[in-house]
Amino acid sequence: MISMHWYDWAGLLGVAMTLVAFYMLQAGRLRGDGLSYQLMNALGAFAVLLSLLYAFNLSAFVLEGLWLAISIYGIARGRRLRRAR
């Protein structure tokens, strides 16, 4: 039996959230510049990063850290554009 800790579940939830966001984008259900898509990516990346603090992997940490940073940039950019309208 595989023993899973809370951080393993957090990581799996993060992966699932990121993949669902990508699927919904590809299916035309979300817009790439929409807040929902950006939040799903940011929260997904954060959850994976959290799990990596307990089971570290440098390449995954770099990927998820940049994914989170780009998502935050997208949220800020979208907010700025919505205010300008």
PDB file of N, CA and C in Angstrom:
ATOM      1  N   MET A   1       0.844  -1.184   0.000  1.00  0.00           N
ATOM      2  CA  MET A   1       0.000   0.000   0.000  1.00  0.00           C
ATOM      3  C   MET A   1       0.886   1.244   0.000  1.00  0.00           C
ATOM      4  N   ILE A   2       0.559   2.196  -0.837  1.00  0.00           N
ATOM      5  CA  ILE A   2       1.319   3.437  -0.909  1.00  0.00           C
ATOM      6  C   ILE A   2       0.848   4.372   0.196  1.00  0.00           C
ATOM      7  N   SER A   3       1.806   4.891   0.942  1.00  0.00           N
ATOM      8  CA  SER A   3       1.488   5.833   2.007  1.00  0.00           C
ATOM      9  C   SER A   3       1.601   7.250   1.457  1.00  0.00           C
ATOM     10  N   MET A   4       0.514   7.994   1.533  1.00  0.00           N
ATOM     11  CA  MET A   4       0.522   9.358   1.014  1.00  0.00           C
ATOM     12  C   MET A   4       0.275  10.341   2.145  1.00  0.00           C
ATOM     13  N   HIS A   5       1.030  11.424   2.119  1.00  0.00           N
ATOM     14  CA  HIS A   5       0.908  12.481   3.101  1.00  0.00           C
ATOM     15  C   HIS A   5       0.073  13.616   2.526  1.00  0.00           C
ATOM     16  N   TRP A   6      -0.256  14.606   3.360  1.00  0.00           N
ATOM     17  CA  TRP A   6      -1.088  15.717   2.904  1.00  0.00           C
ATOM     18  C   TRP A   6      -0.424  16.461   1.757  1.00  0.00           C
ATOM     19  N   TYR A   7       0.908  16.572   1.763  1.00  0.00           N
ATOM     20  CA  TYR A   7       1.595  17.307   0.708  1.00  0.00           C
ATOM     21  C   TYR A   7       1.582  16.542  -0.621  1.00  0.00           C
ATOM     22  N   ASP A   8       1.503  15.208  -0.557  1.00  0.00           N
ATOM     23  CA  ASP A   8       1.336  14.431  -1.781  1.00  0.00           C
ATOM     24  C   ASP A   8      -0.022  14.732  -2.412  1.00  0.00           C
ATOM     25  N   TRP A   9      -1.037  14.796  -1.572  1.00  0.00           N
ATOM     26  CA  TRP A   9      -2.380  15.112  -2.059  1.00  0.00           C
ATOM     27  C   TRP A   9      -2.446  16.539  -2.606  1.00  0.00           C
ATOM     28  N   ALA A  10      -1.754  17.458  -1.946  1.00  0.00           N
ATOM     29  CA  ALA A  10      -1.702  18.846  -2.430  1.00  0.00           C
ATOM     30  C   ALA A  10      -1.076  18.895  -3.821  1.00  0.00           C
ATOM     31  N   GLY A  11       0.015  18.166  -4.006  1.00  0.00           N
ATOM     32  CA  GLY A  11       0.675  18.120  -5.308  1.00  0.00           C
ATOM     33  C   GLY A  11      -0.210  17.529  -6.381  1.00  0.00           C
ATOM     34  N   LEU A  12      -0.898  16.443  -6.056  1.00  0.00           N
ATOM     35  CA  LEU A  12      -1.808  15.831  -7.035  1.00  0.00           C
ATOM     36  C   LEU A  12      -2.967  16.758  -7.377  1.00  0.00           C
ATOM     37  N   LEU A  13      -3.486  17.448  -6.379  1.00  0.00           N
ATOM     38  CA  LEU A  13      -4.555  18.411  -6.625  1.00  0.00           C
ATOM     39  C   LEU A  13      -4.054  19.535  -7.533  1.00  0.00           C
ATOM     40  N   GLY A  14      -2.829  19.998  -7.290  1.00  0.00           N
ATOM     41  CA  GLY A  14      -2.247  21.045  -8.121  1.00  0.00           C
ATOM     42  C   GLY A  14      -2.084  20.608  -9.563  1.00  0.00           C
ATOM     43  N   VAL A  15      -1.594  19.392  -9.760  1.00  0.00           N
ATOM     44  CA  VAL A  15      -1.448  18.852 -11.117  1.00  0.00           C
ATOM     45  C   VAL A  15      -2.812  18.753 -11.788  1.00  0.00           C
ATOM     46  N   ALA A  16      -3.793  18.234 -11.059  1.00  0.00           N
ATOM     47  CA  ALA A  16      -5.141  18.102 -11.617  1.00  0.00           C
ATOM     48  C   ALA A  16      -5.722  19.460 -11.994  1.00  0.00           C
ATOM     49  N   MET A  17      -5.537  20.454 -11.134  1.00  0.00           N
ATOM     50  CA  MET A  17      -6.080  21.785 -11.402  1.00  0.00           C
ATOM     51  C   MET A  17      -5.446  22.384 -12.659  1.00  0.00           C
ATOM     52  N   THR A  18      -4.131  22.236 -12.787  1.00  0.00           N
ATOM     53  CA  THR A  18      -3.430  22.765 -13.948  1.00  0.00           C
ATOM     54  C   THR A  18      -3.882  22.059 -15.226  1.00  0.00           C
ATOM     55  N   LEU A  19      -4.033  20.754 -15.168  1.00  0.00           N
ATOM     56  CA  LEU A  19      -4.463  20.003 -16.343  1.00  0.00           C
ATOM     57  C   LEU A  19      -5.914  20.296 -16.720  1.00  0.00           C
ATOM     58  N   VAL A  20      -6.771  20.454 -15.738  1.00  0.00           N
ATOM     59  CA  VAL A  20      -8.173  20.807 -16.026  1.00  0.00           C
ATOM     60  C   VAL A  20      -8.235  22.176 -16.681  1.00  0.00           C
ATOM     61  N   ALA A  21      -7.451  23.121 -16.178  1.00  0.00           N
ATOM     62  CA  ALA A  21      -7.419  24.463 -16.787  1.00  0.00           C
ATOM     63  C   ALA A  21      -6.973  24.377 -18.233  1.00  0.00           C
ATOM     64  N   PHE A  22      -5.929  23.610 -18.502  1.00  0.00           N
ATOM     65  CA  PHE A  22      -5.427  23.474 -19.871  1.00  0.00           C
ATOM     66  C   PHE A  22      -6.456  22.794 -20.766  1.00  0.00           C
ATOM     67  N   TYR A  23      -7.089  21.735 -20.269  1.00  0.00           N
ATOM     68  CA  TYR A  23      -8.132  21.055 -21.043  1.00  0.00           C
ATOM     69  C   TYR A  23      -9.277  22.018 -21.362  1.00  0.00           C
ATOM     70  N   MET A  24      -9.726  22.772 -20.361  1.00  0.00           N
ATOM     71  CA  MET A  24     -10.846  23.690 -20.576  1.00  0.00           C
ATOM     72  C   MET A  24     -10.470  24.796 -21.565  1.00  0.00           C
ATOM     73  N   LEU A  25      -9.219  25.210 -21.554  1.00  0.00           N
ATOM     74  CA  LEU A  25      -8.754  26.184 -22.545  1.00  0.00           C
ATOM     75  C   LEU A  25      -8.823  25.573 -23.938  1.00  0.00           C
ATOM     76  N   GLN A  26      -8.322  24.358 -24.089  1.00  0.00           N
ATOM     77  CA  GLN A  26      -8.318  23.696 -25.388  1.00  0.00           C
ATOM     78  C   GLN A  26      -9.730  23.395 -25.882  1.00  0.00           C
ATOM     79  N   ALA A  27     -10.632  23.136 -24.956  1.00  0.00           N
ATOM     80  CA  ALA A  27     -12.027  22.835 -25.312  1.00  0.00           C
ATOM     81  C   ALA A  27     -12.838  24.098 -25.563  1.00  0.00           C
ATOM     82  N   GLY A  28     -12.240  25.256 -25.379  1.00  0.00           N
ATOM     83  CA  GLY A  28     -12.949  26.510 -25.606  1.00  0.00           C
ATOM     84  C   GLY A  28     -13.861  26.919 -24.464  1.00  0.00           C
ATOM     85  N   ARG A  29     -13.686  26.314 -23.315  1.00  0.00           N
ATOM     86  CA  ARG A  29     -14.537  26.626 -22.156  1.00  0.00           C
ATOM     87  C   ARG A  29     -13.970  27.747 -21.296  1.00  0.00           C
ATOM     88  N   LEU A  30     -12.669  28.019 -21.437  1.00  0.00           N
ATOM     89  CA  LEU A  30     -12.020  29.122 -20.728  1.00  0.00           C
ATOM     90  C   LEU A  30     -11.208  29.929 -21.726  1.00  0.00           C
ATOM     91  N   ARG A  31     -11.035  31.198 -21.407  1.00  0.00           N
ATOM     92  CA  ARG A  31     -10.179  32.063 -22.223  1.00  0.00           C
ATOM     93  C   ARG A  31      -8.794  32.109 -21.586  1.00  0.00           C
ATOM     94  N   GLY A  32      -7.778  32.126 -22.419  1.00  0.00           N
ATOM     95  CA  GLY A  32      -6.409  32.161 -21.926  1.00  0.00           C
ATOM     96  C   GLY A  32      -6.089  33.414 -21.132  1.00  0.00           C
ATOM     97  N   ASP A  33      -6.796  34.501 -21.414  1.00  0.00           N
ATOM     98  CA  ASP A  33      -6.563  35.741 -20.682  1.00  0.00           C
ATOM     99  C   ASP A  33      -7.582  35.958 -19.570  1.00  0.00           C
ATOM    100  N   GLY A  34      -8.398  34.954 -19.318  1.00  0.00           N
ATOM    101  CA  GLY A  34      -9.432  35.057 -18.291  1.00  0.00           C
ATOM    102  C   GLY A  34      -8.892  34.811 -16.888  1.00  0.00           C
ATOM    103  N   LEU A  35      -9.513  35.432 -15.926  1.00  0.00           N
ATOM    104  CA  LEU A  35      -9.089  35.300 -14.532  1.00  0.00           C
ATOM    105  C   LEU A  35      -9.198  33.855 -14.034  1.00  0.00           C
ATOM    106  N   SER A  36     -10.251  33.149 -14.415  1.00  0.00           N
ATOM    107  CA  SER A  36     -10.427  31.758 -13.954  1.00  0.00           C
ATOM    108  C   SER A  36      -9.264  30.884 -14.389  1.00  0.00           C
ATOM    109  N   TYR A  37      -8.879  31.006 -15.641  1.00  0.00           N
ATOM    110  CA  TYR A  37      -7.772  30.210 -16.166  1.00  0.00           C
ATOM    111  C   TYR A  37      -6.472  30.541 -15.429  1.00  0.00           C
ATOM    112  N   GLN A  38      -6.210  31.828 -15.262  1.00  0.00           N
ATOM    113  CA  GLN A  38      -4.972  32.249 -14.599  1.00  0.00           C
ATOM    114  C   GLN A  38      -4.941  31.798 -13.129  1.00  0.00           C
ATOM    115  N   LEU A  39      -6.076  31.911 -12.441  1.00  0.00           N
ATOM    116  CA  LEU A  39      -6.135  31.483 -11.039  1.00  0.00           C
ATOM    117  C   LEU A  39      -5.946  29.970 -10.895  1.00  0.00           C
ATOM    118  N   MET A  40      -6.549  29.213 -11.800  1.00  0.00           N
ATOM    119  CA  MET A  40      -6.382  27.758 -11.747  1.00  0.00           C
ATOM    120  C   MET A  40      -4.916  27.387 -11.940  1.00  0.00           C
ATOM    121  N   ASN A  41      -4.239  28.069 -12.856  1.00  0.00           N
ATOM    122  CA  ASN A  41      -2.821  27.808 -13.083  1.00  0.00           C
ATOM    123  C   ASN A  41      -1.985  28.217 -11.874  1.00  0.00           C
ATOM    124  N   ALA A  42      -2.270  29.381 -11.319  1.00  0.00           N
ATOM    125  CA  ALA A  42      -1.501  29.869 -10.172  1.00  0.00           C
ATOM    126  C   ALA A  42      -1.696  28.957  -8.958  1.00  0.00           C
ATOM    127  N   LEU A  43      -2.927  28.607  -8.661  1.00  0.00           N
ATOM    128  CA  LEU A  43      -3.195  27.743  -7.509  1.00  0.00           C
ATOM    129  C   LEU A  43      -2.629  26.341  -7.715  1.00  0.00           C
ATOM    130  N   GLY A  44      -2.727  25.850  -8.946  1.00  0.00           N
ATOM    131  CA  GLY A  44      -2.156  24.539  -9.253  1.00  0.00           C
ATOM    132  C   GLY A  44      -0.652  24.524  -9.060  1.00  0.00           C
ATOM    133  N   ALA A  45       0.022  25.550  -9.589  1.00  0.00           N
ATOM    134  CA  ALA A  45       1.477  25.638  -9.448  1.00  0.00           C
ATOM    135  C   ALA A  45       1.869  25.792  -7.980  1.00  0.00           C
ATOM    136  N   PHE A  46       1.123  26.603  -7.240  1.00  0.00           N
ATOM    137  CA  PHE A  46       1.419  26.786  -5.816  1.00  0.00           C
ATOM    138  C   PHE A  46       1.298  25.464  -5.057  1.00  0.00           C
ATOM    139  N   ALA A  47       0.258  24.697  -5.350  1.00  0.00           N
ATOM    140  CA  ALA A  47       0.063  23.418  -4.658  1.00  0.00           C
ATOM    141  C   ALA A  47       1.195  22.441  -4.974  1.00  0.00           C
ATOM    142  N   VAL A  48       1.635  22.411  -6.228  1.00  0.00           N
ATOM    143  CA  VAL A  48       2.753  21.529  -6.584  1.00  0.00           C
ATOM    144  C   VAL A  48       4.027  22.006  -5.890  1.00  0.00           C
ATOM    145  N   LEU A  49       4.261  23.325  -5.878  1.00  0.00           N
ATOM    146  CA  LEU A  49       5.432  23.864  -5.178  1.00  0.00           C
ATOM    147  C   LEU A  49       5.415  23.480  -3.699  1.00  0.00           C
ATOM    148  N   LEU A  50       4.254  23.557  -3.100  1.00  0.00           N
ATOM    149  CA  LEU A  50       4.115  23.181  -1.688  1.00  0.00           C
ATOM    150  C   LEU A  50       4.540  21.726  -1.479  1.00  0.00           C
ATOM    151  N   SER A  51       4.092  20.855  -2.367  1.00  0.00           N
ATOM    152  CA  SER A  51       4.464  19.443  -2.232  1.00  0.00           C
ATOM    153  C   SER A  51       5.957  19.242  -2.458  1.00  0.00           C
ATOM    154  N   LEU A  52       6.549  20.071  -3.308  1.00  0.00           N
ATOM    155  CA  LEU A  52       7.982  19.929  -3.596  1.00  0.00           C
ATOM    156  C   LEU A  52       8.863  20.372  -2.428  1.00  0.00           C
ATOM    157  N   LEU A  53       8.312  21.135  -1.506  1.00  0.00           N
ATOM    158  CA  LEU A  53       9.078  21.503  -0.320  1.00  0.00           C
ATOM    159  C   LEU A  53       9.353  20.287   0.554  1.00  0.00           C
ATOM    160  N   TYR A  54       8.535  19.255   0.401  1.00  0.00           N
ATOM    161  CA  TYR A  54       8.678  18.043   1.208  1.00  0.00           C
ATOM    162  C   TYR A  54       9.350  16.908   0.446  1.00  0.00           C
ATOM    163  N   ALA A  55       9.275  16.936  -0.861  1.00  0.00           N
ATOM    164  CA  ALA A  55       9.937  15.936  -1.716  1.00  0.00           C
ATOM    165  C   ALA A  55      10.543  16.710  -2.877  1.00  0.00           C
ATOM    166  N   PHE A  56      11.711  17.305  -2.635  1.00  0.00           N
ATOM    167  CA  PHE A  56      12.290  18.276  -3.564  1.00  0.00           C
ATOM    168  C   PHE A  56      12.783  17.642  -4.853  1.00  0.00           C
ATOM    169  N   ASN A  57      12.524  18.362  -5.947  1.00  0.00           N
ATOM    170  CA  ASN A  57      13.024  18.017  -7.274  1.00  0.00           C
ATOM    171  C   ASN A  57      13.306  19.347  -7.952  1.00  0.00           C
ATOM    172  N   LEU A  58      14.569  19.639  -8.241  1.00  0.00           N
ATOM    173  CA  LEU A  58      14.959  20.955  -8.729  1.00  0.00           C
ATOM    174  C   LEU A  58      14.267  21.334 -10.030  1.00  0.00           C
ATOM    175  N   SER A  59      14.256  20.442 -11.011  1.00  0.00           N
ATOM    176  CA  SER A  59      13.658  20.803 -12.297  1.00  0.00           C
ATOM    177  C   SER A  59      12.156  21.071 -12.163  1.00  0.00           C
ATOM    178  N   ALA A  60      11.465  20.270 -11.383  1.00  0.00           N
ATOM    179  CA  ALA A  60      10.035  20.498 -11.166  1.00  0.00           C
ATOM    180  C   ALA A  60       9.808  21.797 -10.393  1.00  0.00           C
ATOM    181  N   PHE A  61      10.684  22.087  -9.437  1.00  0.00           N
ATOM    182  CA  PHE A  61      10.561  23.312  -8.645  1.00  0.00           C
ATOM    183  C   PHE A  61      10.738  24.548  -9.531  1.00  0.00           C
ATOM    184  N   VAL A  62      11.729  24.517 -10.423  1.00  0.00           N
ATOM    185  CA  VAL A  62      11.952  25.634 -11.343  1.00  0.00           C
ATOM    186  C   VAL A  62      10.748  25.801 -12.267  1.00  0.00           C
ATOM    187  N   LEU A  63      10.263  24.700 -12.825  1.00  0.00           N
ATOM    188  CA  LEU A  63       9.097  24.756 -13.720  1.00  0.00           C
ATOM    189  C   LEU A  63       7.885  25.350 -13.011  1.00  0.00           C
ATOM    190  N   GLU A  64       7.567  24.846 -11.851  1.00  0.00           N
ATOM    191  CA  GLU A  64       6.379  25.314 -11.133  1.00  0.00           C
ATOM    192  C   GLU A  64       6.547  26.741 -10.612  1.00  0.00           C
ATOM    193  N   GLY A  65       7.760  27.093 -10.197  1.00  0.00           N
ATOM    194  CA  GLY A  65       8.006  28.468  -9.762  1.00  0.00           C
ATOM    195  C   GLY A  65       7.789  29.455 -10.894  1.00  0.00           C
ATOM    196  N   LEU A  66       8.295  29.124 -12.084  1.00  0.00           N
ATOM    197  CA  LEU A  66       8.083  29.997 -13.251  1.00  0.00           C
ATOM    198  C   LEU A  66       6.624  29.988 -13.690  1.00  0.00           C
ATOM    199  N   TRP A  67       5.976  28.837 -13.585  1.00  0.00           N
ATOM    200  CA  TRP A  67       4.549  28.737 -13.937  1.00  0.00           C
ATOM    201  C   TRP A  67       3.729  29.663 -13.040  1.00  0.00           C
ATOM    202  N   LEU A  68       4.045  29.657 -11.764  1.00  0.00           N
ATOM    203  CA  LEU A  68       3.357  30.532 -10.811  1.00  0.00           C
ATOM    204  C   LEU A  68       3.639  31.997 -11.128  1.00  0.00           C
ATOM    205  N   ALA A  69       4.896  32.328 -11.396  1.00  0.00           N
ATOM    206  CA  ALA A  69       5.260  33.715 -11.701  1.00  0.00           C
ATOM    207  C   ALA A  69       4.555  34.213 -12.959  1.00  0.00           C
ATOM    208  N   ILE A  70       4.514  33.386 -13.996  1.00  0.00           N
ATOM    209  CA  ILE A  70       3.833  33.781 -15.234  1.00  0.00           C
ATOM    210  C   ILE A  70       2.336  33.917 -15.001  1.00  0.00           C
ATOM    211  N   SER A  71       1.765  33.051 -14.194  1.00  0.00           N
ATOM    212  CA  SER A  71       0.336  33.147 -13.879  1.00  0.00           C
ATOM    213  C   SER A  71       0.028  34.434 -13.124  1.00  0.00           C
ATOM    214  N   ILE A  72       0.875  34.784 -12.183  1.00  0.00           N
ATOM    215  CA  ILE A  72       0.688  36.035 -11.436  1.00  0.00           C
ATOM    216  C   ILE A  72       0.810  37.228 -12.384  1.00  0.00           C
ATOM    217  N   TYR A  73       1.775  37.178 -13.290  1.00  0.00           N
ATOM    218  CA  TYR A  73       1.903  38.225 -14.302  1.00  0.00           C
ATOM    219  C   TYR A  73       0.607  38.334 -15.126  1.00  0.00           C
ATOM    220  N   GLY A  74       0.066  37.198 -15.547  1.00  0.00           N
ATOM    221  CA  GLY A  74      -1.170  37.187 -16.332  1.00  0.00           C
ATOM    222  C   GLY A  74      -2.351  37.773 -15.565  1.00  0.00           C
ATOM    223  N   ILE A  75      -2.431  37.463 -14.279  1.00  0.00           N
ATOM    224  CA  ILE A  75      -3.500  38.014 -13.440  1.00  0.00           C
ATOM    225  C   ILE A  75      -3.354  39.528 -13.351  1.00  0.00           C
ATOM    226  N   ALA A  76      -2.133  40.003 -13.098  1.00  0.00           N
ATOM    227  CA  ALA A  76      -1.894  41.448 -12.981  1.00  0.00           C
ATOM    228  C   ALA A  76      -2.160  42.154 -14.304  1.00  0.00           C
ATOM    229  N   ARG A  77      -1.710  41.563 -15.391  1.00  0.00           N
ATOM    230  CA  ARG A  77      -1.930  42.159 -16.711  1.00  0.00           C
ATOM    231  C   ARG A  77      -3.415  42.226 -17.040  1.00  0.00           C
ATOM    232  N   GLY A  78      -4.124  41.152 -16.781  1.00  0.00           N
ATOM    233  CA  GLY A  78      -5.567  41.127 -17.032  1.00  0.00           C
ATOM    234  C   GLY A  78      -6.301  42.165 -16.206  1.00  0.00           C
ATOM    235  N   ARG A  79      -5.883  42.303 -14.975  1.00  0.00           N
ATOM    236  CA  ARG A  79      -6.512  43.309 -14.094  1.00  0.00           C
ATOM    237  C   ARG A  79      -6.275  44.713 -14.628  1.00  0.00           C
ATOM    238  N   ARG A  80      -5.045  44.973 -15.058  1.00  0.00           N
ATOM    239  CA  ARG A  80      -4.714  46.280 -15.625  1.00  0.00           C
ATOM    240  C   ARG A  80      -5.535  46.556 -16.888  1.00  0.00           C
ATOM    241  N   LEU A  81      -5.677  45.564 -17.746  1.00  0.00           N
ATOM    242  CA  LEU A  81      -6.444  45.738 -18.983  1.00  0.00           C
ATOM    243  C   LEU A  81      -7.927  45.958 -18.685  1.00  0.00           C
ATOM    244  N   ARG A  82      -8.458  45.230 -17.693  1.00  0.00           N
ATOM    245  CA  ARG A  82      -9.884  45.402 -17.352  1.00  0.00           C
ATOM    246  C   ARG A  82     -10.137  46.792 -16.783  1.00  0.00           C
ATOM    247  N   ARG A  83      -9.186  47.307 -16.012  1.00  0.00           N
ATOM    248  CA  ARG A  83      -9.341  48.670 -15.456  1.00  0.00           C
ATOM    249  C   ARG A  83      -9.284  49.724 -16.553  1.00  0.00           C
ATOM    250  N   ALA A  84      -8.499  49.452 -17.592  1.00  0.00           N
ATOM    251  CA  ALA A  84      -8.337  50.436 -18.672  1.00  0.00           C
ATOM    252  C   ALA A  84      -9.592  50.538 -19.537  1.00  0.00           C
ATOM    253  N   ARG A  85     -10.439  49.539 -19.498  1.00  0.00           N
ATOM    254  CA  ARG A  85     -11.662  49.546 -20.334  1.00  0.00           C
ATOM    255  C   ARG A  85     -12.708  50.425 -19.780  1.00  0.00           C
TER     256      ARG A  85
END
